[in-house]
Amino acid sequence: MAGSDRHLLMTTQDEGEAEIVRGLLHTHGIPAQVVSDITHSVYPLTLDGLGEIRIFVPTGSLHEAREVLAAYRSAAAVPDADAEEKEGPEDAGVQGPER
């Protein structure tokens, strides 16, 4: 992916999030490049944007990449409606009195 043929999709401070997004885009056939100014395995910290991770995609795939990312984020934000039915109302996050 040449520098002029790519466009910035997003930035993050979390290397895990960057890899999840890269993998998500890859599964949709969109190549993504994860770029950072530091090696996070050596310097696992961020300070004033120093550890910022940038995710680039080909310019021609930017619109599709934004749609994929938006769909993933909206799906992740919606709680599983079936979770309460599977667990039962007594197990749906309600805790009894502490002993």
N, C-alpha and C. Protein backbone atom coordinates (compact mmCIF):
# COMPACT_ATOMS: atom_id res chain seq x y z
N MET A 1 0.86 -1.17 0.00
CA MET A 1 0.00 0.00 0.00
C MET A 1 0.91 1.23 0.00
N ALA A 2 0.97 1.91 -1.10
CA ALA A 2 1.81 3.10 -1.22
C ALA A 2 1.23 4.24 -0.40
N GLY A 3 2.08 5.15 0.05
CA GLY A 3 1.65 6.25 0.91
C GLY A 3 0.55 7.10 0.34
N SER A 4 0.58 7.41 -0.96
CA SER A 4 -0.44 8.29 -1.54
C SER A 4 -1.72 7.54 -1.86
N ASP A 5 -1.68 6.20 -1.87
CA ASP A 5 -2.85 5.40 -2.18
C ASP A 5 -3.63 4.99 -0.95
N ARG A 6 -3.22 5.47 0.21
CA ARG A 6 -3.89 5.07 1.44
C ARG A 6 -4.49 6.29 2.14
N HIS A 7 -5.46 6.01 2.99
CA HIS A 7 -6.14 7.07 3.71
C HIS A 7 -6.30 6.63 5.17
N LEU A 8 -6.20 7.58 6.08
CA LEU A 8 -6.34 7.29 7.50
C LEU A 8 -7.79 6.95 7.81
N LEU A 9 -8.01 5.77 8.36
CA LEU A 9 -9.35 5.34 8.77
C LEU A 9 -9.64 5.76 10.21
N MET A 10 -8.68 5.50 11.10
CA MET A 10 -8.90 5.82 12.51
C MET A 10 -7.58 5.82 13.26
N THR A 11 -7.63 6.34 14.47
CA THR A 11 -6.49 6.27 15.38
C THR A 11 -6.99 5.67 16.69
N THR A 12 -6.07 5.06 17.41
CA THR A 12 -6.40 4.49 18.71
C THR A 12 -5.13 4.49 19.56
N GLN A 13 -5.30 4.32 20.85
CA GLN A 13 -4.17 4.17 21.76
C GLN A 13 -3.98 2.70 22.15
N ASP A 14 -4.91 1.86 21.74
CA ASP A 14 -4.95 0.47 22.18
C ASP A 14 -4.51 -0.47 21.06
N GLU A 15 -3.40 -1.15 21.26
CA GLU A 15 -2.87 -2.06 20.24
C GLU A 15 -3.84 -3.21 19.98
N GLY A 16 -4.53 -3.67 21.00
CA GLY A 16 -5.52 -4.74 20.83
C GLY A 16 -6.65 -4.31 19.93
N GLU A 17 -7.16 -3.10 20.14
CA GLU A 17 -8.23 -2.58 19.30
C GLU A 17 -7.76 -2.46 17.85
N ALA A 18 -6.54 -1.99 17.67
CA ALA A 18 -5.99 -1.83 16.32
C ALA A 18 -5.94 -3.17 15.59
N GLU A 19 -5.54 -4.22 16.30
CA GLU A 19 -5.45 -5.54 15.68
C GLU A 19 -6.83 -6.12 15.40
N ILE A 20 -7.79 -5.85 16.27
CA ILE A 20 -9.16 -6.30 16.03
C ILE A 20 -9.71 -5.63 14.77
N VAL A 21 -9.51 -4.33 14.65
CA VAL A 21 -10.00 -3.60 13.48
C VAL A 21 -9.30 -4.10 12.22
N ARG A 22 -7.99 -4.29 12.29
CA ARG A 22 -7.26 -4.80 11.13
C ARG A 22 -7.81 -6.16 10.70
N GLY A 23 -8.04 -7.04 11.65
CA GLY A 23 -8.59 -8.36 11.35
C GLY A 23 -10.00 -8.30 10.80
N LEU A 24 -10.81 -7.42 11.35
CA LEU A 24 -12.18 -7.23 10.87
C LEU A 24 -12.18 -6.78 9.42
N LEU A 25 -11.34 -5.80 9.12
CA LEU A 25 -11.26 -5.31 7.74
C LEU A 25 -10.74 -6.40 6.81
N HIS A 26 -9.77 -7.15 7.28
CA HIS A 26 -9.20 -8.24 6.46
C HIS A 26 -10.28 -9.27 6.11
N THR A 27 -11.15 -9.60 7.06
CA THR A 27 -12.21 -10.57 6.78
C THR A 27 -13.20 -10.06 5.75
N HIS A 28 -13.27 -8.75 5.59
CA HIS A 28 -14.14 -8.15 4.58
C HIS A 28 -13.38 -7.83 3.29
N GLY A 29 -12.16 -8.33 3.19
CA GLY A 29 -11.38 -8.14 1.97
C GLY A 29 -10.76 -6.77 1.82
N ILE A 30 -10.63 -6.03 2.92
CA ILE A 30 -10.06 -4.69 2.88
C ILE A 30 -8.68 -4.74 3.53
N PRO A 31 -7.61 -4.50 2.77
CA PRO A 31 -6.29 -4.48 3.38
C PRO A 31 -6.14 -3.26 4.28
N ALA A 32 -5.51 -3.45 5.42
CA ALA A 32 -5.30 -2.36 6.36
C ALA A 32 -3.86 -2.39 6.84
N GLN A 33 -3.34 -1.21 7.07
CA GLN A 33 -1.97 -1.07 7.56
C GLN A 33 -2.02 -0.39 8.92
N VAL A 34 -1.43 -1.04 9.92
CA VAL A 34 -1.37 -0.50 11.28
C VAL A 34 0.00 0.12 11.45
N VAL A 35 0.03 1.41 11.82
CA VAL A 35 1.28 2.17 11.90
C VAL A 35 1.37 2.88 13.25
N SER A 36 2.54 2.82 13.86
CA SER A 36 2.80 3.54 15.10
C SER A 36 4.24 4.03 15.08
N ASP A 37 4.50 5.08 15.81
CA ASP A 37 5.85 5.63 15.88
C ASP A 37 6.74 4.89 16.88
N ILE A 38 6.12 4.06 17.73
CA ILE A 38 6.91 3.30 18.70
C ILE A 38 6.54 1.82 18.60
N THR A 39 7.41 0.98 19.12
CA THR A 39 7.15 -0.46 19.18
C THR A 39 6.44 -0.73 20.50
N HIS A 40 5.17 -1.08 20.42
CA HIS A 40 4.37 -1.24 21.64
C HIS A 40 4.81 -2.42 22.49
N SER A 41 5.41 -3.42 21.88
CA SER A 41 5.89 -4.55 22.69
C SER A 41 7.10 -4.15 23.54
N VAL A 42 7.82 -3.13 23.11
CA VAL A 42 8.98 -2.65 23.86
C VAL A 42 8.58 -1.52 24.81
N TYR A 43 7.74 -0.61 24.34
CA TYR A 43 7.27 0.53 25.13
C TYR A 43 5.75 0.48 25.21
N PRO A 44 5.20 -0.35 26.11
CA PRO A 44 3.74 -0.54 26.17
C PRO A 44 3.01 0.57 26.92
N LEU A 45 3.25 1.81 26.53
CA LEU A 45 2.58 2.92 27.19
C LEU A 45 2.30 4.01 26.16
N THR A 46 1.37 4.86 26.53
CA THR A 46 1.07 6.00 25.66
C THR A 46 1.16 7.26 26.51
N LEU A 47 1.68 8.31 25.90
CA LEU A 47 1.84 9.57 26.60
C LEU A 47 1.70 10.70 25.60
N ASP A 48 0.68 11.50 25.75
CA ASP A 48 0.45 12.66 24.89
C ASP A 48 0.49 12.32 23.40
N GLY A 49 -0.13 11.22 23.04
CA GLY A 49 -0.18 10.83 21.63
C GLY A 49 1.04 10.12 21.12
N LEU A 50 2.05 9.93 21.97
CA LEU A 50 3.28 9.27 21.53
C LEU A 50 3.01 7.85 21.06
N GLY A 51 2.11 7.14 21.73
CA GLY A 51 1.82 5.76 21.38
C GLY A 51 0.65 5.61 20.44
N GLU A 52 0.26 6.69 19.79
CA GLU A 52 -0.90 6.65 18.90
C GLU A 52 -0.69 5.63 17.78
N ILE A 53 -1.71 4.84 17.54
CA ILE A 53 -1.68 3.85 16.48
C ILE A 53 -2.64 4.31 15.39
N ARG A 54 -2.16 4.32 14.16
CA ARG A 54 -2.97 4.78 13.03
C ARG A 54 -3.28 3.60 12.12
N ILE A 55 -4.51 3.54 11.65
CA ILE A 55 -4.92 2.46 10.75
C ILE A 55 -5.26 3.09 9.41
N PHE A 56 -4.54 2.66 8.38
CA PHE A 56 -4.73 3.15 7.03
C PHE A 56 -5.36 2.07 6.15
N VAL A 57 -6.17 2.50 5.21
CA VAL A 57 -6.77 1.60 4.22
C VAL A 57 -6.56 2.23 2.85
N PRO A 58 -6.68 1.43 1.77
CA PRO A 58 -6.58 2.01 0.44
C PRO A 58 -7.68 3.07 0.26
N THR A 59 -7.34 4.16 -0.41
CA THR A 59 -8.28 5.26 -0.60
C THR A 59 -9.59 4.77 -1.22
N GLY A 60 -9.51 3.86 -2.17
CA GLY A 60 -10.71 3.35 -2.83
C GLY A 60 -11.59 2.49 -1.93
N SER A 61 -11.06 2.04 -0.79
CA SER A 61 -11.81 1.20 0.14
C SER A 61 -12.25 1.96 1.39
N LEU A 62 -11.98 3.24 1.45
CA LEU A 62 -12.26 4.01 2.66
C LEU A 62 -13.74 3.99 3.03
N HIS A 63 -14.62 4.23 2.08
CA HIS A 63 -16.05 4.27 2.37
C HIS A 63 -16.53 2.91 2.91
N GLU A 64 -16.13 1.83 2.25
CA GLU A 64 -16.53 0.49 2.69
C GLU A 64 -15.95 0.19 4.07
N ALA A 65 -14.70 0.58 4.31
CA ALA A 65 -14.07 0.34 5.61
C ALA A 65 -14.81 1.09 6.72
N ARG A 66 -15.23 2.31 6.46
CA ARG A 66 -16.00 3.07 7.45
C ARG A 66 -17.33 2.39 7.74
N GLU A 67 -17.98 1.86 6.70
CA GLU A 67 -19.25 1.16 6.90
C GLU A 67 -19.07 -0.10 7.73
N VAL A 68 -18.03 -0.88 7.42
CA VAL A 68 -17.74 -2.11 8.17
C VAL A 68 -17.48 -1.78 9.63
N LEU A 69 -16.67 -0.76 9.87
CA LEU A 69 -16.33 -0.36 11.23
C LEU A 69 -17.57 0.14 11.98
N ALA A 70 -18.40 0.94 11.33
CA ALA A 70 -19.62 1.46 11.97
C ALA A 70 -20.58 0.32 12.30
N ALA A 71 -20.73 -0.64 11.39
CA ALA A 71 -21.62 -1.78 11.64
C ALA A 71 -21.11 -2.61 12.81
N TYR A 72 -19.80 -2.81 12.87
CA TYR A 72 -19.22 -3.57 13.98
C TYR A 72 -19.43 -2.85 15.31
N ARG A 73 -19.19 -1.57 15.32
CA ARG A 73 -19.35 -0.81 16.57
C ARG A 73 -20.80 -0.77 17.02
N SER A 74 -21.74 -0.63 16.10
CA SER A 74 -23.15 -0.59 16.49
C SER A 74 -23.61 -1.96 16.97
N ALA A 75 -23.11 -3.04 16.37
CA ALA A 75 -23.46 -4.39 16.82
C ALA A 75 -22.87 -4.67 18.19
N ALA A 76 -21.68 -4.17 18.45
CA ALA A 76 -21.03 -4.38 19.74
C ALA A 76 -21.71 -3.59 20.84
N ALA A 77 -22.38 -2.49 20.48
CA ALA A 77 -23.02 -1.64 21.48
C ALA A 77 -24.40 -2.14 21.87
N VAL A 78 -24.99 -3.01 21.06
CA VAL A 78 -26.33 -3.52 21.33
C VAL A 78 -26.20 -4.76 22.21
N PRO A 79 -26.84 -4.73 23.40
CA PRO A 79 -26.75 -5.91 24.27
C PRO A 79 -27.49 -7.09 23.64
N ASP A 80 -27.07 -8.27 23.99
CA ASP A 80 -27.68 -9.49 23.48
C ASP A 80 -29.05 -9.66 24.12
N ALA A 81 -30.10 -9.50 23.31
CA ALA A 81 -31.47 -9.59 23.82
C ALA A 81 -31.79 -10.99 24.32
N ASP A 82 -31.12 -12.00 23.78
CA ASP A 82 -31.40 -13.36 24.19
C ASP A 82 -30.67 -13.75 25.47
N ALA A 83 -29.72 -12.94 25.92
CA ALA A 83 -28.91 -13.29 27.08
C ALA A 83 -29.77 -13.48 28.32
N GLU A 84 -30.74 -12.61 28.53
CA GLU A 84 -31.59 -12.71 29.71
C GLU A 84 -32.43 -13.98 29.64
N GLU A 85 -32.94 -14.30 28.45
CA GLU A 85 -33.75 -15.50 28.30
C GLU A 85 -32.92 -16.75 28.55
N LYS A 86 -31.67 -16.77 28.08
CA LYS A 86 -30.80 -17.93 28.26
C LYS A 86 -30.43 -18.11 29.72
N GLU A 87 -30.14 -17.00 30.40
CA GLU A 87 -29.71 -17.07 31.79
C GLU A 87 -30.89 -17.22 32.73
N GLY A 88 -32.01 -16.67 32.34
CA GLY A 88 -33.15 -16.61 33.24
C GLY A 88 -33.11 -15.31 34.00
N PRO A 89 -34.25 -14.79 34.40
CA PRO A 89 -34.28 -13.49 35.07
C PRO A 89 -33.49 -13.47 36.37
N GLU A 90 -33.40 -14.61 37.05
CA GLU A 90 -32.66 -14.61 38.31
C GLU A 90 -31.16 -14.50 38.12
N ASP A 91 -30.65 -14.81 36.92
CA ASP A 91 -29.22 -14.75 36.64
C ASP A 91 -28.82 -13.56 35.78
N ALA A 92 -29.71 -12.65 35.50
CA ALA A 92 -29.46 -11.58 34.53
C ALA A 92 -28.73 -10.41 35.14
N GLY A 93 -27.75 -10.68 35.96
CA GLY A 93 -26.93 -9.60 36.50
C GLY A 93 -27.41 -9.07 37.83
N VAL A 94 -28.49 -9.65 38.41
CA VAL A 94 -28.99 -9.19 39.68
C VAL A 94 -28.31 -10.03 40.75
N GLN A 95 -27.69 -9.35 41.68
CA GLN A 95 -26.97 -10.06 42.73
C GLN A 95 -27.81 -10.07 44.01
N GLY A 96 -27.70 -11.15 44.71
CA GLY A 96 -28.40 -11.26 45.99
C GLY A 96 -27.62 -10.54 47.08
N PRO A 97 -28.12 -10.57 48.28
CA PRO A 97 -27.42 -9.90 49.38
C PRO A 97 -26.09 -10.59 49.67
N GLU A 98 -25.14 -9.80 50.06
CA GLU A 98 -23.82 -10.34 50.39
C GLU A 98 -23.89 -11.04 51.72
N ARG A 99 -23.11 -12.10 51.84
CA ARG A 99 -23.10 -12.86 53.10
C ARG A 99 -21.86 -12.60 53.86
